[in-house]
Amino acid sequence: MNKTSLVKIGAAVTILGTGIVLGSVWSTQAEGNALKPGSTQDPVVTKSYVDEQIAAALGQGGGTTPPPTAPGTVSPQVEVVTVKIGQTLIAEQGAQFVVRAGMALAYSQDVDGISDVTDGKDIKNGQAVPKNHLLLFPRDGRGISPDPTVNKNQLVVLVSGGYTLK
């Protein structure tokens, strides 16, 4: 072998050896800076820890048990109401209706209509109300009545909230 070949081999061995030494030193330093699980610098926390911290910040003490609900809070009951021709089912503010049987027409004393939550549209006075759609009544004085053009039309309506049958 000539002298230039030996110099090239020596340079390659030196560069490779230096790379191995530096890589192992930097790797060791990186492992030393790793976060320990459960330490204050650990970014991963459990839900119970977060719940405890929120409760402590709100002054409710620790623990993960949610505070009890207020007594006397009752969910609204669903009632089945039958509406005959000539009658109008008038909703109180916040009531909800679902027409289950019969052909219904919307009733409103003003230009605003009834909110059809299922379709996401407004049903104006005198328009047909589709079956099995959730109707929301934001104000008093609106309701539904049977379509008088349909023979022997009778509505069966699920009602949640206050109402009057006129």
N, C-alpha and C. Protein backbone atom coordinates (compact mmCIF):
# COMPACT_ATOMS: atom_id res chain seq x y z
N MET A 1 0.84 -1.17 0.00
CA MET A 1 0.00 0.00 0.00
C MET A 1 0.89 1.24 0.00
N ASN A 2 0.38 2.21 -0.68
CA ASN A 2 1.18 3.42 -0.72
C ASN A 2 0.76 4.35 0.41
N LYS A 3 1.49 5.44 0.50
CA LYS A 3 1.33 6.35 1.62
C LYS A 3 -0.01 7.09 1.58
N THR A 4 -0.53 7.44 0.43
CA THR A 4 -1.80 8.17 0.33
C THR A 4 -2.98 7.29 0.74
N SER A 5 -2.89 6.00 0.46
CA SER A 5 -3.96 5.09 0.87
C SER A 5 -4.02 4.99 2.38
N LEU A 6 -2.85 4.92 3.02
CA LEU A 6 -2.82 4.83 4.47
C LEU A 6 -3.35 6.11 5.11
N VAL A 7 -3.07 7.25 4.54
CA VAL A 7 -3.56 8.51 5.08
C VAL A 7 -5.09 8.57 4.95
N LYS A 8 -5.62 8.12 3.83
CA LYS A 8 -7.08 8.13 3.63
C LYS A 8 -7.77 7.19 4.62
N ILE A 9 -7.21 6.01 4.82
CA ILE A 9 -7.79 5.05 5.77
C ILE A 9 -7.71 5.61 7.18
N GLY A 10 -6.61 6.22 7.53
CA GLY A 10 -6.45 6.80 8.87
C GLY A 10 -7.44 7.93 9.10
N ALA A 11 -7.64 8.77 8.09
CA ALA A 11 -8.59 9.88 8.22
C ALA A 11 -10.01 9.35 8.38
N ALA A 12 -10.35 8.32 7.63
CA ALA A 12 -11.69 7.74 7.72
C ALA A 12 -11.93 7.13 9.10
N VAL A 13 -10.95 6.42 9.63
CA VAL A 13 -11.08 5.81 10.96
C VAL A 13 -11.20 6.89 12.02
N THR A 14 -10.44 7.96 11.90
CA THR A 14 -10.49 9.05 12.87
C THR A 14 -11.86 9.74 12.84
N ILE A 15 -12.37 10.02 11.67
CA ILE A 15 -13.68 10.68 11.55
C ILE A 15 -14.79 9.78 12.08
N LEU A 16 -14.74 8.50 11.75
CA LEU A 16 -15.75 7.55 12.22
C LEU A 16 -15.69 7.41 13.74
N GLY A 17 -14.51 7.31 14.29
CA GLY A 17 -14.36 7.19 15.74
C GLY A 17 -14.85 8.42 16.46
N THR A 18 -14.54 9.59 15.93
CA THR A 18 -15.00 10.84 16.53
C THR A 18 -16.52 10.92 16.50
N GLY A 19 -17.13 10.49 15.40
CA GLY A 19 -18.59 10.50 15.30
C GLY A 19 -19.24 9.59 16.31
N ILE A 20 -18.66 8.41 16.53
CA ILE A 20 -19.21 7.47 17.50
C ILE A 20 -19.12 8.03 18.91
N VAL A 21 -17.98 8.60 19.25
CA VAL A 21 -17.79 9.16 20.60
C VAL A 21 -18.75 10.32 20.83
N LEU A 22 -18.82 11.25 19.89
CA LEU A 22 -19.71 12.40 20.05
C LEU A 22 -21.18 11.97 20.12
N GLY A 23 -21.58 11.01 19.30
CA GLY A 23 -22.96 10.53 19.31
C GLY A 23 -23.34 9.91 20.64
N SER A 24 -22.44 9.15 21.23
CA SER A 24 -22.76 8.53 22.51
C SER A 24 -22.80 9.55 23.63
N VAL A 25 -21.96 10.57 23.59
CA VAL A 25 -21.97 11.60 24.63
C VAL A 25 -23.25 12.42 24.53
N TRP A 26 -23.60 12.85 23.32
CA TRP A 26 -24.82 13.64 23.17
C TRP A 26 -26.06 12.83 23.53
N SER A 27 -26.08 11.56 23.21
CA SER A 27 -27.21 10.70 23.54
C SER A 27 -27.36 10.58 25.05
N THR A 28 -26.26 10.43 25.75
CA THR A 28 -26.30 10.31 27.21
C THR A 28 -26.80 11.60 27.84
N GLN A 29 -26.37 12.74 27.32
CA GLN A 29 -26.84 14.01 27.85
C GLN A 29 -28.34 14.19 27.61
N ALA A 30 -28.83 13.76 26.46
CA ALA A 30 -30.25 13.87 26.15
C ALA A 30 -31.08 13.01 27.09
N GLU A 31 -30.58 11.82 27.41
CA GLU A 31 -31.30 10.95 28.34
C GLU A 31 -31.31 11.53 29.74
N GLY A 32 -30.27 12.24 30.10
CA GLY A 32 -30.20 12.86 31.43
C GLY A 32 -31.20 13.99 31.58
N ASN A 33 -31.57 14.63 30.49
CA ASN A 33 -32.52 15.74 30.53
C ASN A 33 -33.96 15.29 30.37
N ALA A 34 -34.20 14.00 30.23
CA ALA A 34 -35.56 13.49 30.03
C ALA A 34 -36.40 13.72 31.28
N LEU A 35 -37.70 13.97 31.07
CA LEU A 35 -38.62 14.18 32.18
C LEU A 35 -38.94 12.85 32.84
N LYS A 36 -39.04 12.87 34.12
CA LYS A 36 -39.40 11.67 34.87
C LYS A 36 -40.92 11.61 35.00
N PRO A 37 -41.51 10.45 34.75
CA PRO A 37 -42.97 10.34 34.89
C PRO A 37 -43.41 10.69 36.31
N GLY A 38 -44.45 11.52 36.40
CA GLY A 38 -44.98 11.91 37.69
C GLY A 38 -44.32 13.14 38.28
N SER A 39 -43.27 13.65 37.65
CA SER A 39 -42.61 14.84 38.18
C SER A 39 -43.44 16.08 37.84
N THR A 40 -43.05 17.20 38.42
CA THR A 40 -43.80 18.44 38.16
C THR A 40 -43.61 18.94 36.74
N GLN A 41 -42.56 18.50 36.06
CA GLN A 41 -42.35 18.91 34.68
C GLN A 41 -43.01 17.96 33.68
N ASP A 42 -43.56 16.86 34.14
CA ASP A 42 -44.19 15.88 33.25
C ASP A 42 -45.46 16.49 32.66
N PRO A 43 -45.57 16.59 31.32
CA PRO A 43 -46.75 17.23 30.72
C PRO A 43 -47.99 16.35 30.72
N VAL A 44 -47.86 15.06 30.97
CA VAL A 44 -49.00 14.16 30.95
C VAL A 44 -49.55 14.03 32.37
N VAL A 45 -50.85 14.36 32.54
CA VAL A 45 -51.48 14.25 33.85
C VAL A 45 -52.76 13.44 33.71
N THR A 46 -53.27 12.95 34.82
CA THR A 46 -54.49 12.15 34.80
C THR A 46 -55.71 13.05 34.99
N LYS A 47 -56.87 12.54 34.63
CA LYS A 47 -58.11 13.29 34.78
C LYS A 47 -58.39 13.57 36.26
N SER A 48 -58.11 12.61 37.11
CA SER A 48 -58.37 12.82 38.54
C SER A 48 -57.52 13.95 39.09
N TYR A 49 -56.28 14.07 38.62
CA TYR A 49 -55.41 15.16 39.07
C TYR A 49 -55.99 16.50 38.63
N VAL A 50 -56.45 16.58 37.39
CA VAL A 50 -57.03 17.82 36.88
C VAL A 50 -58.29 18.17 37.67
N ASP A 51 -59.14 17.17 37.94
CA ASP A 51 -60.36 17.40 38.71
C ASP A 51 -60.04 17.92 40.11
N GLU A 52 -59.03 17.35 40.75
CA GLU A 52 -58.63 17.80 42.08
C GLU A 52 -58.13 19.24 42.05
N GLN A 53 -57.35 19.58 41.04
CA GLN A 53 -56.82 20.93 40.94
C GLN A 53 -57.93 21.95 40.68
N ILE A 54 -58.89 21.59 39.86
CA ILE A 54 -60.01 22.49 39.59
C ILE A 54 -60.85 22.68 40.84
N ALA A 55 -61.13 21.58 41.54
CA ALA A 55 -61.92 21.67 42.77
C ALA A 55 -61.20 22.51 43.82
N ALA A 56 -59.89 22.35 43.93
CA ALA A 56 -59.12 23.14 44.89
C ALA A 56 -59.14 24.61 44.51
N ALA A 57 -59.05 24.91 43.22
CA ALA A 57 -59.06 26.30 42.77
C ALA A 57 -60.42 26.95 43.01
N LEU A 58 -61.48 26.16 42.93
CA LEU A 58 -62.82 26.68 43.16
C LEU A 58 -63.18 26.70 44.64
N GLY A 59 -62.31 26.17 45.47
CA GLY A 59 -62.56 26.18 46.91
C GLY A 59 -63.52 25.11 47.37
N GLN A 60 -63.64 24.03 46.63
CA GLN A 60 -64.57 22.97 46.99
C GLN A 60 -63.86 21.76 47.57
N GLY A 61 -62.61 21.89 47.89
CA GLY A 61 -61.88 20.75 48.42
C GLY A 61 -61.42 19.84 47.31
N GLY A 62 -60.95 18.66 47.68
CA GLY A 62 -60.42 17.72 46.70
C GLY A 62 -61.42 16.65 46.36
N GLY A 63 -60.93 15.66 45.65
CA GLY A 63 -61.77 14.52 45.29
C GLY A 63 -62.31 14.67 43.89
N THR A 64 -62.74 13.55 43.35
CA THR A 64 -63.25 13.56 41.98
C THR A 64 -64.76 13.41 41.94
N THR A 65 -65.43 13.37 43.08
CA THR A 65 -66.87 13.23 43.10
C THR A 65 -67.52 14.56 42.74
N PRO A 66 -68.40 14.59 41.73
CA PRO A 66 -69.04 15.85 41.37
C PRO A 66 -69.99 16.29 42.48
N PRO A 67 -70.22 17.60 42.61
CA PRO A 67 -71.13 18.07 43.64
C PRO A 67 -72.56 17.62 43.33
N PRO A 68 -73.38 17.39 44.35
CA PRO A 68 -74.74 16.92 44.11
C PRO A 68 -75.57 18.01 43.43
N THR A 69 -76.57 17.57 42.66
CA THR A 69 -77.45 18.52 41.99
C THR A 69 -78.44 19.08 43.00
N ALA A 70 -79.00 20.21 42.65
CA ALA A 70 -79.95 20.86 43.53
C ALA A 70 -81.20 20.00 43.68
N PRO A 71 -81.71 19.85 44.91
CA PRO A 71 -82.92 19.04 45.09
C PRO A 71 -84.12 19.75 44.48
N GLY A 72 -85.08 18.97 44.04
CA GLY A 72 -86.30 19.53 43.49
C GLY A 72 -86.24 19.81 42.00
N THR A 73 -85.11 19.55 41.36
CA THR A 73 -85.00 19.75 39.92
C THR A 73 -85.60 18.54 39.23
N VAL A 74 -86.65 18.75 38.48
CA VAL A 74 -87.34 17.65 37.82
C VAL A 74 -87.32 17.89 36.32
N SER A 75 -86.99 16.86 35.57
CA SER A 75 -87.03 17.00 34.12
C SER A 75 -88.49 17.03 33.68
N PRO A 76 -88.78 17.79 32.61
CA PRO A 76 -90.17 17.88 32.17
C PRO A 76 -90.70 16.53 31.70
N GLN A 77 -91.95 16.28 32.02
CA GLN A 77 -92.60 15.04 31.62
C GLN A 77 -93.12 15.18 30.20
N VAL A 78 -93.13 14.09 29.47
CA VAL A 78 -93.70 14.06 28.13
C VAL A 78 -95.13 13.53 28.26
N GLU A 79 -96.05 14.26 27.66
CA GLU A 79 -97.46 13.92 27.77
C GLU A 79 -98.03 13.73 26.36
N VAL A 80 -98.92 12.76 26.21
CA VAL A 80 -99.59 12.53 24.92
C VAL A 80 -100.91 13.29 24.95
N VAL A 81 -101.10 14.18 23.95
CA VAL A 81 -102.30 15.01 23.88
C VAL A 81 -102.99 14.74 22.55
N THR A 82 -104.32 14.58 22.60
CA THR A 82 -105.13 14.40 21.39
C THR A 82 -105.83 15.72 21.09
N VAL A 83 -105.70 16.19 19.83
CA VAL A 83 -106.30 17.46 19.41
C VAL A 83 -107.29 17.15 18.29
N LYS A 84 -108.56 17.53 18.52
CA LYS A 84 -109.61 17.27 17.53
C LYS A 84 -109.80 18.49 16.64
N ILE A 85 -110.49 18.29 15.52
CA ILE A 85 -110.77 19.40 14.59
C ILE A 85 -111.53 20.49 15.34
N GLY A 86 -111.12 21.73 15.12
CA GLY A 86 -111.73 22.87 15.81
C GLY A 86 -110.96 23.28 17.05
N GLN A 87 -110.06 22.44 17.52
CA GLN A 87 -109.25 22.77 18.69
C GLN A 87 -107.86 23.23 18.23
N THR A 88 -107.21 24.00 19.09
CA THR A 88 -105.84 24.44 18.84
C THR A 88 -105.02 24.17 20.08
N LEU A 89 -103.87 23.57 19.88
CA LEU A 89 -102.95 23.28 20.97
C LEU A 89 -101.96 24.44 21.04
N ILE A 90 -102.09 25.28 22.08
CA ILE A 90 -101.26 26.48 22.24
C ILE A 90 -100.14 26.16 23.24
N ALA A 91 -98.92 26.44 22.84
CA ALA A 91 -97.75 26.14 23.68
C ALA A 91 -97.40 27.33 24.56
N GLU A 92 -96.87 27.03 25.73
CA GLU A 92 -96.28 28.07 26.57
C GLU A 92 -94.81 28.20 26.17
N GLN A 93 -94.21 29.28 26.61
CA GLN A 93 -92.82 29.55 26.27
C GLN A 93 -91.92 28.38 26.67
N GLY A 94 -91.11 27.90 25.72
CA GLY A 94 -90.16 26.82 25.99
C GLY A 94 -90.72 25.42 25.80
N ALA A 95 -91.98 25.31 25.43
CA ALA A 95 -92.58 23.98 25.24
C ALA A 95 -92.05 23.34 23.96
N GLN A 96 -92.20 22.02 23.90
CA GLN A 96 -91.76 21.25 22.74
C GLN A 96 -92.88 20.30 22.34
N PHE A 97 -93.14 20.22 21.04
CA PHE A 97 -94.16 19.32 20.50
C PHE A 97 -93.53 18.40 19.46
N VAL A 98 -94.10 17.19 19.34
CA VAL A 98 -93.80 16.28 18.24
C VAL A 98 -95.13 15.72 17.78
N VAL A 99 -95.51 16.01 16.53
CA VAL A 99 -96.76 15.48 15.96
C VAL A 99 -96.51 14.03 15.58
N ARG A 100 -97.27 13.12 16.18
CA ARG A 100 -97.09 11.69 15.93
C ARG A 100 -98.10 11.15 14.92
N ALA A 101 -99.33 11.71 14.91
CA ALA A 101 -100.35 11.23 13.98
C ALA A 101 -101.24 12.39 13.59
N GLY A 102 -101.77 12.34 12.38
CA GLY A 102 -102.65 13.39 11.88
C GLY A 102 -101.88 14.43 11.08
N MET A 103 -102.66 15.31 10.41
CA MET A 103 -102.08 16.38 9.60
C MET A 103 -102.26 17.69 10.35
N ALA A 104 -101.15 18.34 10.71
CA ALA A 104 -101.20 19.55 11.53
C ALA A 104 -100.82 20.78 10.72
N LEU A 105 -101.39 21.92 11.15
CA LEU A 105 -101.05 23.23 10.60
C LEU A 105 -100.49 24.09 11.72
N ALA A 106 -99.52 24.94 11.38
CA ALA A 106 -98.93 25.84 12.37
C ALA A 106 -99.90 26.97 12.69
N TYR A 107 -99.87 27.41 13.95
CA TYR A 107 -100.70 28.53 14.39
C TYR A 107 -99.79 29.53 15.09
N SER A 108 -99.88 30.80 14.67
CA SER A 108 -99.09 31.85 15.30
C SER A 108 -99.86 33.15 15.24
N GLN A 109 -99.83 33.92 16.33
CA GLN A 109 -100.55 35.19 16.37
C GLN A 109 -99.76 36.31 15.72
N ASP A 110 -98.47 36.11 15.48
CA ASP A 110 -97.65 37.15 14.87
C ASP A 110 -96.98 36.62 13.61
N VAL A 111 -96.09 37.40 13.02
CA VAL A 111 -95.46 37.00 11.75
C VAL A 111 -94.42 35.91 11.95
N ASP A 112 -93.90 35.79 13.16
CA ASP A 112 -92.92 34.73 13.42
C ASP A 112 -93.64 33.40 13.53
N GLY A 113 -92.93 32.34 13.22
CA GLY A 113 -93.55 31.03 13.23
C GLY A 113 -93.02 30.15 14.34
N ILE A 114 -93.01 28.86 14.05
CA ILE A 114 -92.59 27.82 14.99
C ILE A 114 -91.24 27.30 14.53
N SER A 115 -90.35 27.06 15.45
CA SER A 115 -89.02 26.53 15.10
C SER A 115 -89.10 25.02 14.92
N ASP A 116 -88.81 24.55 13.70
CA ASP A 116 -88.70 23.12 13.42
C ASP A 116 -87.23 22.76 13.62
N VAL A 117 -86.91 22.20 14.76
CA VAL A 117 -85.53 21.91 15.11
C VAL A 117 -84.97 20.78 14.25
N THR A 118 -85.81 19.86 13.83
CA THR A 118 -85.36 18.73 13.01
C THR A 118 -84.85 19.19 11.65
N ASP A 119 -85.61 20.06 10.98
CA ASP A 119 -85.20 20.56 9.66
C ASP A 119 -84.39 21.84 9.75
N GLY A 120 -84.42 22.50 10.89
CA GLY A 120 -83.69 23.75 11.04
C GLY A 120 -84.33 24.90 10.28
N LYS A 121 -85.65 24.95 10.27
CA LYS A 121 -86.32 26.04 9.57
C LYS A 121 -87.51 26.53 10.38
N ASP A 122 -88.09 27.63 9.92
CA ASP A 122 -89.21 28.27 10.59
C ASP A 122 -90.49 27.91 9.85
N ILE A 123 -91.50 27.44 10.59
CA ILE A 123 -92.80 27.11 9.99
C ILE A 123 -93.74 28.27 10.28
N LYS A 124 -94.21 28.93 9.25
CA LYS A 124 -95.08 30.10 9.39
C LYS A 124 -96.53 29.68 9.63
N ASN A 125 -97.34 30.65 10.04
CA ASN A 125 -98.76 30.43 10.32
C ASN A 125 -99.47 29.85 9.10
N GLY A 126 -100.19 28.74 9.30
CA GLY A 126 -100.96 28.11 8.24
C GLY A 126 -100.20 27.07 7.43
N GLN A 127 -98.89 26.96 7.62
CA GLN A 127 -98.12 25.96 6.88
C GLN A 127 -98.25 24.59 7.55
N ALA A 128 -98.08 23.55 6.74
CA ALA A 128 -98.16 22.18 7.25
C ALA A 128 -96.98 21.88 8.17
N VAL A 129 -97.26 21.13 9.22
CA VAL A 129 -96.23 20.72 10.18
C VAL A 129 -95.93 19.25 9.91
N PRO A 130 -94.67 18.90 9.61
CA PRO A 130 -94.34 17.50 9.34
C PRO A 130 -94.43 16.63 10.60
N LYS A 131 -94.74 15.36 10.39
CA LYS A 131 -94.79 14.41 11.50
C LYS A 131 -93.38 14.10 11.97
N ASN A 132 -93.28 13.73 13.24
CA ASN A 132 -92.04 13.28 13.88
C ASN A 132 -90.92 14.31 13.81
N HIS A 133 -91.27 15.59 13.79
CA HIS A 133 -90.28 16.67 13.85
C HIS A 133 -90.41 17.37 15.19
N LEU A 134 -89.28 17.70 15.80
CA LEU A 134 -89.28 18.39 17.08
C LEU A 134 -89.57 19.87 16.84
N LEU A 135 -90.64 20.36 17.45
CA LEU A 135 -91.03 21.77 17.32
C LEU A 135 -90.74 22.47 18.64
N LEU A 136 -90.11 23.63 18.55
CA LEU A 136 -89.75 24.41 19.74
C LEU A 136 -90.51 25.73 19.70
N PHE A 137 -91.09 26.11 20.84
CA PHE A 137 -91.90 27.32 20.92
C PHE A 137 -91.19 28.32 21.83
N PRO A 138 -90.53 29.33 21.24
CA PRO A 138 -89.78 30.28 22.04
C PRO A 138 -90.65 31.28 22.79
N ARG A 139 -91.90 31.48 22.35
CA ARG A 139 -92.80 32.43 23.01
C ARG A 139 -94.19 31.83 23.14
N ASP A 140 -94.98 32.42 24.05
CA ASP A 140 -96.38 32.02 24.20
C ASP A 140 -97.18 32.43 22.96
N GLY A 141 -98.34 31.81 22.79
CA GLY A 141 -99.27 32.23 21.75
C GLY A 141 -99.09 31.54 20.42
N ARG A 142 -98.26 30.55 20.35
CA ARG A 142 -98.07 29.80 19.11
C ARG A 142 -98.46 28.36 19.37
N GLY A 143 -98.85 27.66 18.31
CA GLY A 143 -99.25 26.28 18.51
C GLY A 143 -99.52 25.58 17.20
N ILE A 144 -100.33 24.52 17.30
CA ILE A 144 -100.70 23.74 16.12
C ILE A 144 -102.18 23.38 16.21
N SER A 145 -102.76 23.11 15.04
CA SER A 145 -104.16 22.68 15.00
C SER A 145 -104.30 21.67 13.87
N PRO A 146 -105.33 20.82 13.94
CA PRO A 146 -105.55 19.84 12.87
C PRO A 146 -105.93 20.55 11.57
N ASP A 147 -105.50 20.00 10.45
CA ASP A 147 -105.85 20.54 9.14
C ASP A 147 -107.33 20.25 8.89
N PRO A 148 -108.19 21.30 8.76
CA PRO A 148 -109.63 21.07 8.60
C PRO A 148 -110.01 20.49 7.24
N THR A 149 -109.10 20.52 6.28
CA THR A 149 -109.42 19.99 4.95
C THR A 149 -109.30 18.47 4.90
N VAL A 150 -108.69 17.87 5.91
CA VAL A 150 -108.53 16.42 5.95
C VAL A 150 -109.70 15.83 6.74
N ASN A 151 -110.41 14.87 6.16
CA ASN A 151 -111.59 14.27 6.77
C ASN A 151 -111.20 13.48 8.03
N LYS A 152 -111.95 13.71 9.11
CA LYS A 152 -111.76 13.01 10.39
C LYS A 152 -110.32 13.12 10.89
N ASN A 153 -109.76 14.30 10.72
CA ASN A 153 -108.37 14.54 11.13
C ASN A 153 -108.30 14.76 12.64
N GLN A 154 -107.46 14.04 13.28
CA GLN A 154 -107.24 14.16 14.72
C GLN A 154 -105.74 14.04 14.96
N LEU A 155 -105.20 14.95 15.76
CA LEU A 155 -103.76 14.94 16.03
C LEU A 155 -103.44 14.18 17.30
N VAL A 156 -102.36 13.46 17.27
CA VAL A 156 -101.77 12.87 18.47
C VAL A 156 -100.40 13.52 18.59
N VAL A 157 -100.19 14.25 19.70
CA VAL A 157 -98.99 15.07 19.85
C VAL A 157 -98.30 14.73 21.17
N LEU A 158 -96.97 14.56 21.10
CA LEU A 158 -96.18 14.44 22.31
C LEU A 158 -95.82 15.86 22.75
N VAL A 159 -96.11 16.19 24.01
CA VAL A 159 -95.90 17.55 24.51
C VAL A 159 -94.97 17.50 25.71
N SER A 160 -93.96 18.35 25.68
CA SER A 160 -93.08 18.54 26.83
C SER A 160 -93.13 20.02 27.17
N GLY A 161 -93.58 20.34 28.37
CA GLY A 161 -93.73 21.74 28.77
C GLY A 161 -95.19 22.12 28.89
N GLY A 162 -95.42 23.40 29.14
CA GLY A 162 -96.78 23.88 29.36
C GLY A 162 -97.54 24.08 28.06
N TYR A 163 -98.87 23.91 28.14
CA TYR A 163 -99.73 24.09 26.97
C TYR A 163 -101.15 24.33 27.43
N THR A 164 -101.98 24.85 26.50
CA THR A 164 -103.42 24.95 26.72
C THR A 164 -104.11 24.44 25.46
N LEU A 165 -105.23 23.81 25.64
CA LEU A 165 -106.02 23.28 24.53
C LEU A 165 -107.26 24.14 24.39
N LYS A 166 -107.37 24.88 23.29
CA LYS A 166 -108.52 25.78 23.07
C LYS A 166 -109.40 25.22 21.98
